Amino acid sequence: HYAEGGGEPVTAAGRPPCVHVFVVDTTVRARELQGCKDDVVAAARGLPPGDSIALVAFDGVVRVFDLSYGGAGRVRVLSGQGSPSKEHLNELGSSPGASLACEASAACDAFAAAVGALR
């Protein structure tokens, strides 16, 4: 966990809010992946109010999920051919309307749906 104090609001857990980035390797066997997906969703649902969540999945490509987008969901895909450039990484965080980390309580359903769809 990483949280920086200094006047920030404190969660029910007695610490400043944190961002939890869940990274899922989808190359594992189906049974292992299902167990991982169940655990990841349970962990996200158990976070204290104020904490935020983000989701990244990888296999041959890296998928970064936009949990703020209603409806069908939105995913940014980075090629697995090589390391992304600094510009590509900056684009992920500065896309208009995109929020890669969202408050867990508001994004939990979208998070669970995205995790459930991982193959």
C-alpha atoms as a PDB file:
ATOM      1  CA  HIS A   1       0.000   0.000   0.000  1.00  0.00           C
ATOM      2  CA  TYR A   2       1.126   3.528  -0.654  1.00  0.00           C
ATOM      3  CA  ALA A   3      -0.584   6.518   0.865  1.00  0.00           C
ATOM      4  CA  GLU A   4       0.782   9.982   1.397  1.00  0.00           C
ATOM      5  CA  GLY A   5      -0.460  11.878   4.434  1.00  0.00           C
ATOM      6  CA  GLY A   6      -0.442  15.595   5.020  1.00  0.00           C
ATOM      7  CA  GLY A   7      -4.018  16.680   5.566  1.00  0.00           C
ATOM      8  CA  GLU A   8      -5.649  14.159   3.241  1.00  0.00           C
ATOM      9  CA  PRO A   9      -8.927  12.597   4.365  1.00  0.00           C
ATOM     10  CA  VAL A  10      -8.523   9.439   6.384  1.00  0.00           C
ATOM     11  CA  THR A  11     -10.558   6.301   5.642  1.00  0.00           C
ATOM     12  CA  ALA A  12     -12.376   4.108   8.133  1.00  0.00           C
ATOM     13  CA  ALA A  13      -9.187   2.027   8.111  1.00  0.00           C
ATOM     14  CA  GLY A  14      -7.424   4.945   9.848  1.00  0.00           C
ATOM     15  CA  ARG A  15      -5.231   5.918   6.906  1.00  0.00           C
ATOM     16  CA  PRO A  16      -5.471   8.175   3.868  1.00  0.00           C
ATOM     17  CA  PRO A  17      -7.382   6.694   0.900  1.00  0.00           C
ATOM     18  CA  CYS A  18      -5.331   4.369  -1.324  1.00  0.00           C
ATOM     19  CA  VAL A  19      -5.454   3.382  -4.969  1.00  0.00           C
ATOM     20  CA  HIS A  20      -5.397  -0.391  -5.427  1.00  0.00           C
ATOM     21  CA  VAL A  21      -4.324  -1.505  -8.906  1.00  0.00           C
ATOM     22  CA  PHE A  22      -5.355  -5.103  -9.537  1.00  0.00           C
ATOM     23  CA  VAL A  23      -3.212  -6.759 -12.221  1.00  0.00           C
ATOM     24  CA  VAL A  24      -4.470 -10.089 -13.589  1.00  0.00           C
ATOM     25  CA  ASP A  25      -2.425 -12.521 -15.699  1.00  0.00           C
ATOM     26  CA  THR A  26      -4.972 -14.154 -18.008  1.00  0.00           C
ATOM     27  CA  THR A  27      -2.503 -16.711 -19.403  1.00  0.00           C
ATOM     28  CA  VAL A  28      -3.082 -19.094 -16.485  1.00  0.00           C
ATOM     29  CA  ARG A  29      -5.330 -22.161 -16.686  1.00  0.00           C
ATOM     30  CA  ALA A  30      -9.076 -21.530 -16.654  1.00  0.00           C
ATOM     31  CA  ARG A  31      -9.591 -22.969 -13.158  1.00  0.00           C
ATOM     32  CA  GLU A  32      -6.762 -20.858 -11.721  1.00  0.00           C
ATOM     33  CA  LEU A  33      -8.079 -17.776 -13.505  1.00  0.00           C
ATOM     34  CA  GLN A  34     -11.561 -18.311 -12.081  1.00  0.00           C
ATOM     35  CA  GLY A  35     -10.155 -18.553  -8.562  1.00  0.00           C
ATOM     36  CA  CYS A  36      -8.102 -15.415  -9.138  1.00  0.00           C
ATOM     37  CA  LYS A  37     -11.134 -13.537 -10.489  1.00  0.00           C
ATOM     38  CA  ASP A  38     -13.220 -14.525  -7.454  1.00  0.00           C
ATOM     39  CA  ASP A  39     -10.471 -13.402  -5.066  1.00  0.00           C
ATOM     40  CA  VAL A  40      -9.878 -10.101  -6.876  1.00  0.00           C
ATOM     41  CA  VAL A  41     -13.578  -9.182  -6.809  1.00  0.00           C
ATOM     42  CA  ALA A  42     -13.861 -10.149  -3.127  1.00  0.00           C
ATOM     43  CA  ALA A  43     -10.810  -8.033  -2.295  1.00  0.00           C
ATOM     44  CA  ALA A  44     -12.224  -5.021  -4.164  1.00  0.00           C
ATOM     45  CA  ARG A  45     -15.600  -5.353  -2.450  1.00  0.00           C
ATOM     46  CA  GLY A  46     -13.881  -5.478   0.937  1.00  0.00           C
ATOM     47  CA  LEU A  47     -12.017  -2.194   0.598  1.00  0.00           C
ATOM     48  CA  PRO A  48     -12.852   0.636   2.988  1.00  0.00           C
ATOM     49  CA  PRO A  49     -14.857   3.634   1.775  1.00  0.00           C
ATOM     50  CA  GLY A  50     -12.718   6.207   0.018  1.00  0.00           C
ATOM     51  CA  ASP A  51     -10.239   3.767  -1.520  1.00  0.00           C
ATOM     52  CA  SER A  52     -10.023   3.584  -5.314  1.00  0.00           C
ATOM     53  CA  ILE A  53      -9.532   0.648  -7.662  1.00  0.00           C
ATOM     54  CA  ALA A  54      -8.060   0.111 -11.112  1.00  0.00           C
ATOM     55  CA  LEU A  55      -7.850  -2.995 -13.298  1.00  0.00           C
ATOM     56  CA  VAL A  56      -5.098  -4.135 -15.665  1.00  0.00           C
ATOM     57  CA  ALA A  57      -5.052  -7.540 -17.400  1.00  0.00           C
ATOM     58  CA  PHE A  58      -2.360  -9.007 -19.579  1.00  0.00           C
ATOM     59  CA  ASP A  59      -1.570 -11.898 -21.882  1.00  0.00           C
ATOM     60  CA  GLY A  60      -0.256 -11.130 -25.396  1.00  0.00           C
ATOM     61  CA  VAL A  61      -1.413  -7.524 -24.858  1.00  0.00           C
ATOM     62  CA  VAL A  62      -1.962  -5.288 -21.864  1.00  0.00           C
ATOM     63  CA  ARG A  63      -5.533  -4.125 -21.250  1.00  0.00           C
ATOM     64  CA  VAL A  64      -6.183  -1.138 -18.998  1.00  0.00           C
ATOM     65  CA  PHE A  65      -9.847  -0.823 -18.020  1.00  0.00           C
ATOM     66  CA  ASP A  66     -11.726   2.469 -17.694  1.00  0.00           C
ATOM     67  CA  LEU A  67     -14.050   1.741 -14.771  1.00  0.00           C
ATOM     68  CA  SER A  68     -15.776   5.125 -14.965  1.00  0.00           C
ATOM     69  CA  TYR A  69     -17.413   4.427 -18.313  1.00  0.00           C
ATOM     70  CA  GLY A  70     -21.025   3.268 -18.056  1.00  0.00           C
ATOM     71  CA  GLY A  71     -22.590   0.741 -20.368  1.00  0.00           C
ATOM     72  CA  ALA A  72     -20.477  -1.803 -22.208  1.00  0.00           C
ATOM     73  CA  GLY A  73     -17.185  -0.658 -20.699  1.00  0.00           C
ATOM     74  CA  ARG A  74     -14.072   0.776 -22.251  1.00  0.00           C
ATOM     75  CA  VAL A  75     -10.590  -0.718 -22.454  1.00  0.00           C
ATOM     76  CA  ARG A  76      -7.252   0.680 -23.603  1.00  0.00           C
ATOM     77  CA  VAL A  77      -5.061  -1.946 -25.254  1.00  0.00           C
ATOM     78  CA  LEU A  78      -1.278  -1.727 -25.375  1.00  0.00           C
ATOM     79  CA  SER A  79       0.579  -3.993 -27.776  1.00  0.00           C
ATOM     80  CA  GLY A  80       2.592  -6.764 -26.216  1.00  0.00           C
ATOM     81  CA  GLN A  81       5.273  -6.368 -28.891  1.00  0.00           C
ATOM     82  CA  GLY A  82       7.473  -4.184 -26.676  1.00  0.00           C
ATOM     83  CA  SER A  83       7.515  -1.774 -23.802  1.00  0.00           C
ATOM     84  CA  PRO A  84       5.077   1.119 -24.234  1.00  0.00           C
ATOM     85  CA  SER A  85       6.554   4.529 -24.853  1.00  0.00           C
ATOM     86  CA  LYS A  86       6.294   7.320 -22.312  1.00  0.00           C
ATOM     87  CA  GLU A  87       3.789   9.014 -24.637  1.00  0.00           C
ATOM     88  CA  HIS A  88       1.533   5.931 -24.694  1.00  0.00           C
ATOM     89  CA  LEU A  89       1.589   5.720 -20.913  1.00  0.00           C
ATOM     90  CA  ASN A  90       0.826   9.427 -20.586  1.00  0.00           C
ATOM     91  CA  GLU A  91      -2.137   9.033 -22.949  1.00  0.00           C
ATOM     92  CA  LEU A  92      -3.629   6.427 -20.628  1.00  0.00           C
ATOM     93  CA  GLY A  93      -3.832   8.875 -17.769  1.00  0.00           C
ATOM     94  CA  SER A  94      -4.856  11.954 -19.715  1.00  0.00           C
ATOM     95  CA  SER A  95      -7.642  10.700 -21.966  1.00  0.00           C
ATOM     96  CA  PRO A  96     -10.671  13.018 -21.780  1.00  0.00           C
ATOM     97  CA  GLY A  97     -13.383  11.498 -19.620  1.00  0.00           C
ATOM     98  CA  ALA A  98     -11.302   8.456 -18.727  1.00  0.00           C
ATOM     99  CA  SER A  99     -10.659   7.586 -15.145  1.00  0.00           C
ATOM    100  CA  LEU A 100      -8.399   4.618 -14.726  1.00  0.00           C
ATOM    101  CA  ALA A 101      -8.828   4.531 -10.953  1.00  0.00           C
ATOM    102  CA  CYS A 102     -12.293   5.075  -9.506  1.00  0.00           C
ATOM    103  CA  GLU A 103     -13.662   5.047  -6.000  1.00  0.00           C
ATOM    104  CA  ALA A 104     -14.274   1.394  -5.148  1.00  0.00           C
ATOM    105  CA  SER A 105     -17.831   1.882  -3.911  1.00  0.00           C
ATOM    106  CA  ALA A 106     -18.856   3.609  -7.166  1.00  0.00           C
ATOM    107  CA  ALA A 107     -16.957   1.304  -9.540  1.00  0.00           C
ATOM    108  CA  CYS A 108     -17.379  -2.078  -7.861  1.00  0.00           C
ATOM    109  CA  ASP A 109     -20.110  -3.329 -10.211  1.00  0.00           C
ATOM    110  CA  ALA A 110     -18.183  -2.255 -13.324  1.00  0.00           C
ATOM    111  CA  PHE A 111     -15.031  -3.784 -11.826  1.00  0.00           C
ATOM    112  CA  ALA A 112     -16.788  -7.096 -11.105  1.00  0.00           C
ATOM    113  CA  ALA A 113     -18.244  -7.187 -14.648  1.00  0.00           C
ATOM    114  CA  ALA A 114     -14.847  -6.479 -16.230  1.00  0.00           C
ATOM    115  CA  VAL A 115     -13.119  -9.107 -14.085  1.00  0.00           C
ATOM    116  CA  GLY A 116     -15.877 -11.622 -14.815  1.00  0.00           C
ATOM    117  CA  ALA A 117     -15.371 -11.156 -18.554  1.00  0.00           C
ATOM    118  CA  LEU A 118     -11.630 -11.896 -18.446  1.00  0.00           C
ATOM    119  CA  ARG A 119     -10.639 -15.001 -20.429  1.00  0.00           C
END
